[in-house]
Every structure is written in C-alpha cells, then in structure tokens.
Amino acid sequence: MKLILPFLAVALASQASAEVSQSLDRYCGSIAKSAEVMMAMHQTSKMTLADTIRAGQRAAASNDHAQVYNRLGSCSYCVPRLEG
C-alpha cells in the first residue's frame, strides 16, 4: 500500500500537468490564429487596423468562423490556415 500511493500521486500529477499543457497550447494557438486572421482581414479588405480588430473580436465573440472565412475566401495565403 505504501508503494501504491506515491505512484498514484505521481501519475495524477503528470496527467494534470499534461492537461494544463494541452489547454495552454490550444489557447496560445487560438490567439495566434486570431492575430493572423485580423492582419489578413486588414490587408485584404483595406480596413483600418482598429476596425479589423473590432471585427475580429465580434467574430470571435459570436464564434462565427464562417463570417471570417467569407471575408478571406479570395486570399490564398489565409484560406489554408483557416481550413487547417
């Protein structure tokens, strides 16, 4: 019994650490993708950067990725990143 408890504690701690790491990776990836999409919107639609940021925030808040995709449909640089 003395050997099992430390093993379980280590196993649970490593699992929790892995889950936190995966969550952080997803969060950072989401931020990077949002920044990339906002810059692409700014460059392809000639919106001001402030308007682009507001549009990106609205799309993110409504989780409406189709709206972002439709705006970038003609941009060969951005579309593969949105579909991937």
PDB file of N, CA and C in Angstrom:
ATOM      1  N   MET A   1       0.826  -1.197   0.000  1.00  0.00           N
ATOM      2  CA  MET A   1       0.000   0.000   0.000  1.00  0.00           C
ATOM      3  C   MET A   1       0.864   1.253   0.000  1.00  0.00           C
ATOM      4  N   LYS A   2       2.005   1.184   0.728  1.00  0.00           N
ATOM      5  CA  LYS A   2       2.878   2.351   0.795  1.00  0.00           C
ATOM      6  C   LYS A   2       3.464   2.685  -0.571  1.00  0.00           C
ATOM      7  N   LEU A   3       3.680   1.678  -1.401  1.00  0.00           N
ATOM      8  CA  LEU A   3       4.236   1.903  -2.732  1.00  0.00           C
ATOM      9  C   LEU A   3       3.184   2.408  -3.715  1.00  0.00           C
ATOM     10  N   ILE A   4       1.971   2.020  -3.541  1.00  0.00           N
ATOM     11  CA  ILE A   4       0.906   2.385  -4.475  1.00  0.00           C
ATOM     12  C   ILE A   4       0.534   3.861  -4.365  1.00  0.00           C
ATOM     13  N   LEU A   5       0.444   4.391  -3.173  1.00  0.00           N
ATOM     14  CA  LEU A   5       0.023   5.786  -3.006  1.00  0.00           C
ATOM     15  C   LEU A   5       0.970   6.788  -3.663  1.00  0.00           C
ATOM     16  N   PRO A   6       2.273   6.691  -3.466  1.00  0.00           N
ATOM     17  CA  PRO A   6       3.158   7.637  -4.167  1.00  0.00           C
ATOM     18  C   PRO A   6       3.072   7.494  -5.690  1.00  0.00           C
ATOM     19  N   PHE A   7       2.942   6.257  -6.161  1.00  0.00           N
ATOM     20  CA  PHE A   7       2.823   6.033  -7.599  1.00  0.00           C
ATOM     21  C   PHE A   7       1.567   6.703  -8.149  1.00  0.00           C
ATOM     22  N   LEU A   8       0.444   6.542  -7.443  1.00  0.00           N
ATOM     23  CA  LEU A   8      -0.802   7.177  -7.875  1.00  0.00           C
ATOM     24  C   LEU A   8      -0.689   8.696  -7.850  1.00  0.00           C
ATOM     25  N   ALA A   9      -0.047   9.230  -6.833  1.00  0.00           N
ATOM     26  CA  ALA A   9       0.113  10.684  -6.738  1.00  0.00           C
ATOM     27  C   ALA A   9       0.929  11.219  -7.910  1.00  0.00           C
ATOM     28  N   VAL A  10       1.998  10.530  -8.250  1.00  0.00           N
ATOM     29  CA  VAL A  10       2.838  10.954  -9.384  1.00  0.00           C
ATOM     30  C   VAL A  10       2.062  10.830 -10.693  1.00  0.00           C
ATOM     31  N   ALA A  11       1.321   9.745 -10.850  1.00  0.00           N
ATOM     32  CA  ALA A  11       0.547   9.541 -12.076  1.00  0.00           C
ATOM     33  C   ALA A  11      -0.507  10.629 -12.246  1.00  0.00           C
ATOM     34  N   LEU A  12      -1.209  10.959 -11.174  1.00  0.00           N
ATOM     35  CA  LEU A  12      -2.230  12.011 -11.241  1.00  0.00           C
ATOM     36  C   LEU A  12      -1.612  13.374 -11.518  1.00  0.00           C
ATOM     37  N   ALA A  13      -0.484  13.653 -10.899  1.00  0.00           N
ATOM     38  CA  ALA A  13       0.185  14.943 -11.114  1.00  0.00           C
ATOM     39  C   ALA A  13       0.660  15.081 -12.554  1.00  0.00           C
ATOM     40  N   SER A  14       1.207  14.024 -13.125  1.00  0.00           N
ATOM     41  CA  SER A  14       1.691  14.113 -14.509  1.00  0.00           C
ATOM     42  C   SER A  14       0.530  14.242 -15.486  1.00  0.00           C
ATOM     43  N   GLN A  15      -0.594  13.589 -15.197  1.00  0.00           N
ATOM     44  CA  GLN A  15      -1.770  13.714 -16.055  1.00  0.00           C
ATOM     45  C   GLN A  15      -2.311  15.136 -16.002  1.00  0.00           C
ATOM     46  N   ALA A  16      -2.384  15.717 -14.819  1.00  0.00           N
ATOM     47  CA  ALA A  16      -2.866  17.092 -14.672  1.00  0.00           C
ATOM     48  C   ALA A  16      -1.939  18.056 -15.398  1.00  0.00           C
ATOM     49  N   SER A  17      -0.645  17.832 -15.294  1.00  0.00           N
ATOM     50  CA  SER A  17       0.330  18.682 -15.976  1.00  0.00           C
ATOM     51  C   SER A  17       0.154  18.603 -17.489  1.00  0.00           C
ATOM     52  N   ALA A  18      -0.075  17.416 -18.013  1.00  0.00           N
ATOM     53  CA  ALA A  18      -0.271  17.241 -19.454  1.00  0.00           C
ATOM     54  C   ALA A  18      -1.536  17.948 -19.919  1.00  0.00           C
ATOM     55  N   GLU A  19      -2.608  17.861 -19.123  1.00  0.00           N
ATOM     56  CA  GLU A  19      -3.857  18.522 -19.486  1.00  0.00           C
ATOM     57  C   GLU A  19      -3.699  20.037 -19.485  1.00  0.00           C
ATOM     58  N   VAL A  20      -2.988  20.570 -18.508  1.00  0.00           N
ATOM     59  CA  VAL A  20      -2.740  22.013 -18.456  1.00  0.00           C
ATOM     60  C   VAL A  20      -1.911  22.435 -19.658  1.00  0.00           C
ATOM     61  N   SER A  21      -0.915  21.649 -20.005  1.00  0.00           N
ATOM     62  CA  SER A  21      -0.060  21.953 -21.148  1.00  0.00           C
ATOM     63  C   SER A  21      -0.862  21.957 -22.448  1.00  0.00           C
ATOM     64  N   GLN A  22      -1.729  20.976 -22.636  1.00  0.00           N
ATOM     65  CA  GLN A  22      -2.563  20.917 -23.837  1.00  0.00           C
ATOM     66  C   GLN A  22      -3.516  22.101 -23.895  1.00  0.00           C
ATOM     67  N   SER A  23      -4.093  22.449 -22.765  1.00  0.00           N
ATOM     68  CA  SER A  23      -5.008  23.583 -22.715  1.00  0.00           C
ATOM     69  C   SER A  23      -4.287  24.876 -23.076  1.00  0.00           C
ATOM     70  N   LEU A  24      -3.087  25.039 -22.548  1.00  0.00           N
ATOM     71  CA  LEU A  24      -2.297  26.232 -22.845  1.00  0.00           C
ATOM     72  C   LEU A  24      -1.916  26.274 -24.320  1.00  0.00           C
ATOM     73  N   ASP A  25      -1.567  25.125 -24.894  1.00  0.00           N
ATOM     74  CA  ASP A  25      -1.245  25.063 -26.325  1.00  0.00           C
ATOM     75  C   ASP A  25      -2.438  25.489 -27.169  1.00  0.00           C
ATOM     76  N   ARG A  26      -3.626  25.001 -26.819  1.00  0.00           N
ATOM     77  CA  ARG A  26      -4.832  25.374 -27.572  1.00  0.00           C
ATOM     78  C   ARG A  26      -5.104  26.865 -27.450  1.00  0.00           C
ATOM     79  N   TYR A  27      -4.959  27.404 -26.242  1.00  0.00           N
ATOM     80  CA  TYR A  27      -5.206  28.825 -26.011  1.00  0.00           C
ATOM     81  C   TYR A  27      -4.232  29.684 -26.815  1.00  0.00           C
ATOM     82  N   CYS A  28      -2.945  29.345 -26.767  1.00  0.00           N
ATOM     83  CA  CYS A  28      -1.935  30.120 -27.498  1.00  0.00           C
ATOM     84  C   CYS A  28      -2.143  29.999 -29.001  1.00  0.00           C
ATOM     85  N   GLY A  29      -2.497  28.816 -29.458  1.00  0.00           N
ATOM     86  CA  GLY A  29      -2.774  28.625 -30.881  1.00  0.00           C
ATOM     87  C   GLY A  29      -3.959  29.444 -31.335  1.00  0.00           C
ATOM     88  N   SER A  30      -4.965  29.528 -30.495  1.00  0.00           N
ATOM     89  CA  SER A  30      -6.150  30.324 -30.808  1.00  0.00           C
ATOM     90  C   SER A  30      -5.804  31.800 -30.920  1.00  0.00           C
ATOM     91  N   ILE A  31      -4.991  32.291 -29.995  1.00  0.00           N
ATOM     92  CA  ILE A  31      -4.581  33.697 -30.040  1.00  0.00           C
ATOM     93  C   ILE A  31      -3.767  33.968 -31.299  1.00  0.00           C
ATOM     94  N   ALA A  32      -2.850  33.087 -31.624  1.00  0.00           N
ATOM     95  CA  ALA A  32      -2.016  33.275 -32.816  1.00  0.00           C
ATOM     96  C   ALA A  32      -2.865  33.269 -34.075  1.00  0.00           C
ATOM     97  N   LYS A  33      -3.828  32.354 -34.145  1.00  0.00           N
ATOM     98  CA  LYS A  33      -4.697  32.278 -35.315  1.00  0.00           C
ATOM     99  C   LYS A  33      -5.546  33.539 -35.419  1.00  0.00           C
ATOM    100  N   SER A  34      -6.060  34.031 -34.305  1.00  0.00           N
ATOM    101  CA  SER A  34      -6.865  35.251 -34.317  1.00  0.00           C
ATOM    102  C   SER A  34      -6.053  36.435 -34.811  1.00  0.00           C
ATOM    103  N   ALA A  35      -4.828  36.550 -34.349  1.00  0.00           N
ATOM    104  CA  ALA A  35      -3.973  37.662 -34.777  1.00  0.00           C
ATOM    105  C   ALA A  35      -3.683  37.561 -36.268  1.00  0.00           C
ATOM    106  N   GLU A  36      -3.436  36.355 -36.746  1.00  0.00           N
ATOM    107  CA  GLU A  36      -3.157  36.147 -38.166  1.00  0.00           C
ATOM    108  C   GLU A  36      -4.374  36.505 -39.015  1.00  0.00           C
ATOM    109  N   VAL A  37      -5.552  36.089 -38.574  1.00  0.00           N
ATOM    110  CA  VAL A  37      -6.782  36.387 -39.304  1.00  0.00           C
ATOM    111  C   VAL A  37      -7.038  37.887 -39.328  1.00  0.00           C
ATOM    112  N   MET A  38      -6.833  38.556 -38.201  1.00  0.00           N
ATOM    113  CA  MET A  38      -7.073  40.001 -38.163  1.00  0.00           C
ATOM    114  C   MET A  38      -6.122  40.750 -39.089  1.00  0.00           C
ATOM    115  N   MET A  39      -4.861  40.351 -39.132  1.00  0.00           N
ATOM    116  CA  MET A  39      -3.920  41.017 -40.037  1.00  0.00           C
ATOM    117  C   MET A  39      -4.301  40.754 -41.491  1.00  0.00           C
ATOM    118  N   ALA A  40      -4.741  39.539 -41.789  1.00  0.00           N
ATOM    119  CA  ALA A  40      -5.151  39.219 -43.157  1.00  0.00           C
ATOM    120  C   ALA A  40      -6.378  40.031 -43.558  1.00  0.00           C
ATOM    121  N   MET A  41      -7.326  40.170 -42.644  1.00  0.00           N
ATOM    122  CA  MET A  41      -8.512  40.984 -42.936  1.00  0.00           C
ATOM    123  C   MET A  41      -8.103  42.424 -43.203  1.00  0.00           C
ATOM    124  N   HIS A  42      -7.184  42.921 -42.427  1.00  0.00           N
ATOM    125  CA  HIS A  42      -6.701  44.289 -42.591  1.00  0.00           C
ATOM    126  C   HIS A  42      -6.052  44.454 -43.963  1.00  0.00           C
ATOM    127  N   GLN A  43      -5.256  43.480 -44.377  1.00  0.00           N
ATOM    128  CA  GLN A  43      -4.526  43.591 -45.639  1.00  0.00           C
ATOM    129  C   GLN A  43      -5.408  43.345 -46.855  1.00  0.00           C
ATOM    130  N   THR A  44      -6.366  42.425 -46.763  1.00  0.00           N
ATOM    131  CA  THR A  44      -7.169  42.078 -47.941  1.00  0.00           C
ATOM    132  C   THR A  44      -8.372  42.980 -48.128  1.00  0.00           C
ATOM    133  N   SER A  45      -8.902  43.526 -47.069  1.00  0.00           N
ATOM    134  CA  SER A  45     -10.113  44.342 -47.211  1.00  0.00           C
ATOM    135  C   SER A  45      -9.843  45.822 -47.052  1.00  0.00           C
ATOM    136  N   LYS A  46      -8.605  46.178 -46.812  1.00  0.00           N
ATOM    137  CA  LYS A  46      -8.206  47.577 -46.654  1.00  0.00           C
ATOM    138  C   LYS A  46      -8.966  48.272 -45.522  1.00  0.00           C
ATOM    139  N   MET A  47      -9.334  47.501 -44.512  1.00  0.00           N
ATOM    140  CA  MET A  47      -9.948  48.085 -43.318  1.00  0.00           C
ATOM    141  C   MET A  47      -8.837  48.695 -42.474  1.00  0.00           C
ATOM    142  N   THR A  48      -9.195  49.657 -41.657  1.00  0.00           N
ATOM    143  CA  THR A  48      -8.197  50.152 -40.711  1.00  0.00           C
ATOM    144  C   THR A  48      -7.922  49.035 -39.713  1.00  0.00           C
ATOM    145  N   LEU A  49      -6.778  49.076 -39.102  1.00  0.00           N
ATOM    146  CA  LEU A  49      -6.427  48.020 -38.154  1.00  0.00           C
ATOM    147  C   LEU A  49      -7.387  48.012 -36.968  1.00  0.00           C
ATOM    148  N   ALA A  50      -7.810  49.192 -36.510  1.00  0.00           N
ATOM    149  CA  ALA A  50      -8.763  49.261 -35.390  1.00  0.00           C
ATOM    150  C   ALA A  50     -10.091  48.610 -35.769  1.00  0.00           C
ATOM    151  N   ASP A  51     -10.589  48.885 -36.999  1.00  0.00           N
ATOM    152  CA  ASP A  51     -11.835  48.259 -37.456  1.00  0.00           C
ATOM    153  C   ASP A  51     -11.669  46.748 -37.587  1.00  0.00           C
ATOM    154  N   THR A  52     -10.504  46.332 -38.046  1.00  0.00           N
ATOM    155  CA  THR A  52     -10.230  44.905 -38.192  1.00  0.00           C
ATOM    156  C   THR A  52     -10.238  44.205 -36.840  1.00  0.00           C
ATOM    157  N   ILE A  53      -9.621  44.833 -35.851  1.00  0.00           N
ATOM    158  CA  ILE A  53      -9.590  44.245 -34.506  1.00  0.00           C
ATOM    159  C   ILE A  53     -10.998  44.125 -33.951  1.00  0.00           C
ATOM    160  N   ARG A  54     -11.800  45.172 -34.132  1.00  0.00           N
ATOM    161  CA  ARG A  54     -13.194  45.113 -33.656  1.00  0.00           C
ATOM    162  C   ARG A  54     -13.965  44.011 -34.376  1.00  0.00           C
ATOM    163  N   ALA A  55     -13.780  43.890 -35.691  1.00  0.00           N
ATOM    164  CA  ALA A  55     -14.465  42.839 -36.451  1.00  0.00           C
ATOM    165  C   ALA A  55     -14.016  41.457 -35.984  1.00  0.00           C
ATOM    166  N   GLY A  56     -12.725  41.311 -35.726  1.00  0.00           N
ATOM    167  CA  GLY A  56     -12.214  40.034 -35.227  1.00  0.00           C
ATOM    168  C   GLY A  56     -12.770  39.694 -33.861  1.00  0.00           C
ATOM    169  N   GLN A  57     -12.897  40.707 -33.007  1.00  0.00           N
ATOM    170  CA  GLN A  57     -13.456  40.471 -31.670  1.00  0.00           C
ATOM    171  C   GLN A  57     -14.920  40.078 -31.766  1.00  0.00           C
ATOM    172  N   ARG A  58     -15.663  40.736 -32.670  1.00  0.00           N
ATOM    173  CA  ARG A  58     -17.082  40.384 -32.837  1.00  0.00           C
ATOM    174  C   ARG A  58     -17.218  38.956 -33.359  1.00  0.00           C
ATOM    175  N   ALA A  59     -16.396  38.595 -34.342  1.00  0.00           N
ATOM    176  CA  ALA A  59     -16.464  37.238 -34.903  1.00  0.00           C
ATOM    177  C   ALA A  59     -16.081  36.202 -33.852  1.00  0.00           C
ATOM    178  N   ALA A  60     -15.063  36.510 -33.050  1.00  0.00           N
ATOM    179  CA  ALA A  60     -14.646  35.571 -32.002  1.00  0.00           C
ATOM    180  C   ALA A  60     -15.716  35.453 -30.932  1.00  0.00           C
ATOM    181  N   ALA A  61     -16.338  36.580 -30.589  1.00  0.00           N
ATOM    182  CA  ALA A  61     -17.368  36.559 -29.549  1.00  0.00           C
ATOM    183  C   ALA A  61     -18.582  35.764 -30.002  1.00  0.00           C
ATOM    184  N   SER A  62     -18.917  35.868 -31.283  1.00  0.00           N
ATOM    185  CA  SER A  62     -20.079  35.139 -31.783  1.00  0.00           C
ATOM    186  C   SER A  62     -19.699  33.747 -32.280  1.00  0.00           C
ATOM    187  N   ASN A  63     -18.374  33.470 -32.257  1.00  0.00           N
ATOM    188  CA  ASN A  63     -17.857  32.184 -32.728  1.00  0.00           C
ATOM    189  C   ASN A  63     -18.278  31.922 -34.170  1.00  0.00           C
ATOM    190  N   ASP A  64     -18.354  32.996 -34.964  1.00  0.00           N
ATOM    191  CA  ASP A  64     -18.809  32.897 -36.346  1.00  0.00           C
ATOM    192  C   ASP A  64     -17.614  32.827 -37.284  1.00  0.00           C
ATOM    193  N   HIS A  65     -17.037  31.651 -37.414  1.00  0.00           N
ATOM    194  CA  HIS A  65     -15.862  31.496 -38.263  1.00  0.00           C
ATOM    195  C   HIS A  65     -16.227  31.585 -39.738  1.00  0.00           C
ATOM    196  N   ALA A  66     -17.484  31.296 -40.081  1.00  0.00           N
ATOM    197  CA  ALA A  66     -17.910  31.412 -41.479  1.00  0.00           C
ATOM    198  C   ALA A  66     -17.810  32.857 -41.941  1.00  0.00           C
ATOM    199  N   GLN A  67     -18.131  33.792 -41.069  1.00  0.00           N
ATOM    200  CA  GLN A  67     -18.034  35.213 -41.408  1.00  0.00           C
ATOM    201  C   GLN A  67     -16.589  35.568 -41.748  1.00  0.00           C
ATOM    202  N   VAL A  68     -15.660  35.109 -40.957  1.00  0.00           N
ATOM    203  CA  VAL A  68     -14.246  35.381 -41.208  1.00  0.00           C
ATOM    204  C   VAL A  68     -13.813  34.682 -42.492  1.00  0.00           C
ATOM    205  N   TYR A  69     -14.220  33.443 -42.670  1.00  0.00           N
ATOM    206  CA  TYR A  69     -13.846  32.686 -43.869  1.00  0.00           C
ATOM    207  C   TYR A  69     -14.362  33.372 -45.128  1.00  0.00           C
ATOM    208  N   ASN A  70     -15.607  33.848 -45.102  1.00  0.00           N
ATOM    209  CA  ASN A  70     -16.184  34.508 -46.271  1.00  0.00           C
ATOM    210  C   ASN A  70     -15.418  35.768 -46.639  1.00  0.00           C
ATOM    211  N   ARG A  71     -14.922  36.472 -45.654  1.00  0.00           N
ATOM    212  CA  ARG A  71     -14.149  37.683 -45.938  1.00  0.00           C
ATOM    213  C   ARG A  71     -12.808  37.342 -46.563  1.00  0.00           C
ATOM    214  N   LEU A  72     -12.258  36.197 -46.222  1.00  0.00           N
ATOM    215  CA  LEU A  72     -10.919  35.845 -46.683  1.00  0.00           C
ATOM    216  C   LEU A  72     -10.934  34.821 -47.806  1.00  0.00           C
ATOM    217  N   GLY A  73     -12.105  34.543 -48.352  1.00  0.00           N
ATOM    218  CA  GLY A  73     -12.229  33.493 -49.357  1.00  0.00           C
ATOM    219  C   GLY A  73     -11.331  33.656 -50.564  1.00  0.00           C
ATOM    220  N   SER A  74     -10.947  34.882 -50.874  1.00  0.00           N
ATOM    221  CA  SER A  74     -10.118  35.101 -52.056  1.00  0.00           C
ATOM    222  C   SER A  74      -8.630  35.161 -51.730  1.00  0.00           C
ATOM    223  N   CYS A  75      -8.284  35.040 -50.480  1.00  0.00           N
ATOM    224  CA  CYS A  75      -6.890  35.181 -50.076  1.00  0.00           C
ATOM    225  C   CYS A  75      -6.237  33.802 -49.984  1.00  0.00           C
ATOM    226  N   SER A  76      -5.371  33.478 -50.925  1.00  0.00           N
ATOM    227  CA  SER A  76      -4.771  32.144 -50.956  1.00  0.00           C
ATOM    228  C   SER A  76      -3.811  31.921 -49.795  1.00  0.00           C
ATOM    229  N   TYR A  77      -3.326  32.990 -49.191  1.00  0.00           N
ATOM    230  CA  TYR A  77      -2.426  32.854 -48.046  1.00  0.00           C
ATOM    231  C   TYR A  77      -3.189  32.427 -46.798  1.00  0.00           C
ATOM    232  N   CYS A  78      -4.376  32.972 -46.600  1.00  0.00           N
ATOM    233  CA  CYS A  78      -5.106  32.780 -45.345  1.00  0.00           C
ATOM    234  C   CYS A  78      -6.024  31.572 -45.349  1.00  0.00           C
ATOM    235  N   VAL A  79      -6.640  31.267 -46.475  1.00  0.00           N
ATOM    236  CA  VAL A  79      -7.642  30.204 -46.506  1.00  0.00           C
ATOM    237  C   VAL A  79      -7.094  28.866 -46.016  1.00  0.00           C
ATOM    238  N   PRO A  80      -5.902  28.422 -46.451  1.00  0.00           N
ATOM    239  CA  PRO A  80      -5.404  27.138 -45.928  1.00  0.00           C
ATOM    240  C   PRO A  80      -5.232  27.143 -44.412  1.00  0.00           C
ATOM    241  N   ARG A  81      -4.878  28.264 -43.845  1.00  0.00           N
ATOM    242  CA  ARG A  81      -4.695  28.344 -42.398  1.00  0.00           C
ATOM    243  C   ARG A  81      -6.036  28.277 -41.674  1.00  0.00           C
ATOM    244  N   LEU A  82      -7.071  28.833 -42.277  1.00  0.00           N
ATOM    245  CA  LEU A  82      -8.391  28.771 -41.650  1.00  0.00           C
ATOM    246  C   LEU A  82      -8.981  27.373 -41.763  1.00  0.00           C
ATOM    247  N   GLU A  83      -8.714  26.703 -42.868  1.00  0.00           N
ATOM    248  CA  GLU A  83      -9.269  25.366 -43.060  1.00  0.00           C
ATOM    249  C   GLU A  83      -8.517  24.316 -42.260  1.00  0.00           C
ATOM    250  N   GLY A  84      -7.255  24.594 -41.920  1.00  0.00           N
ATOM    251  CA  GLY A  84      -6.413  23.613 -41.224  1.00  0.00           C
ATOM    252  C   GLY A  84      -6.641  23.524 -39.797  1.00  0.00           C
TER     253      GLY A  84
END
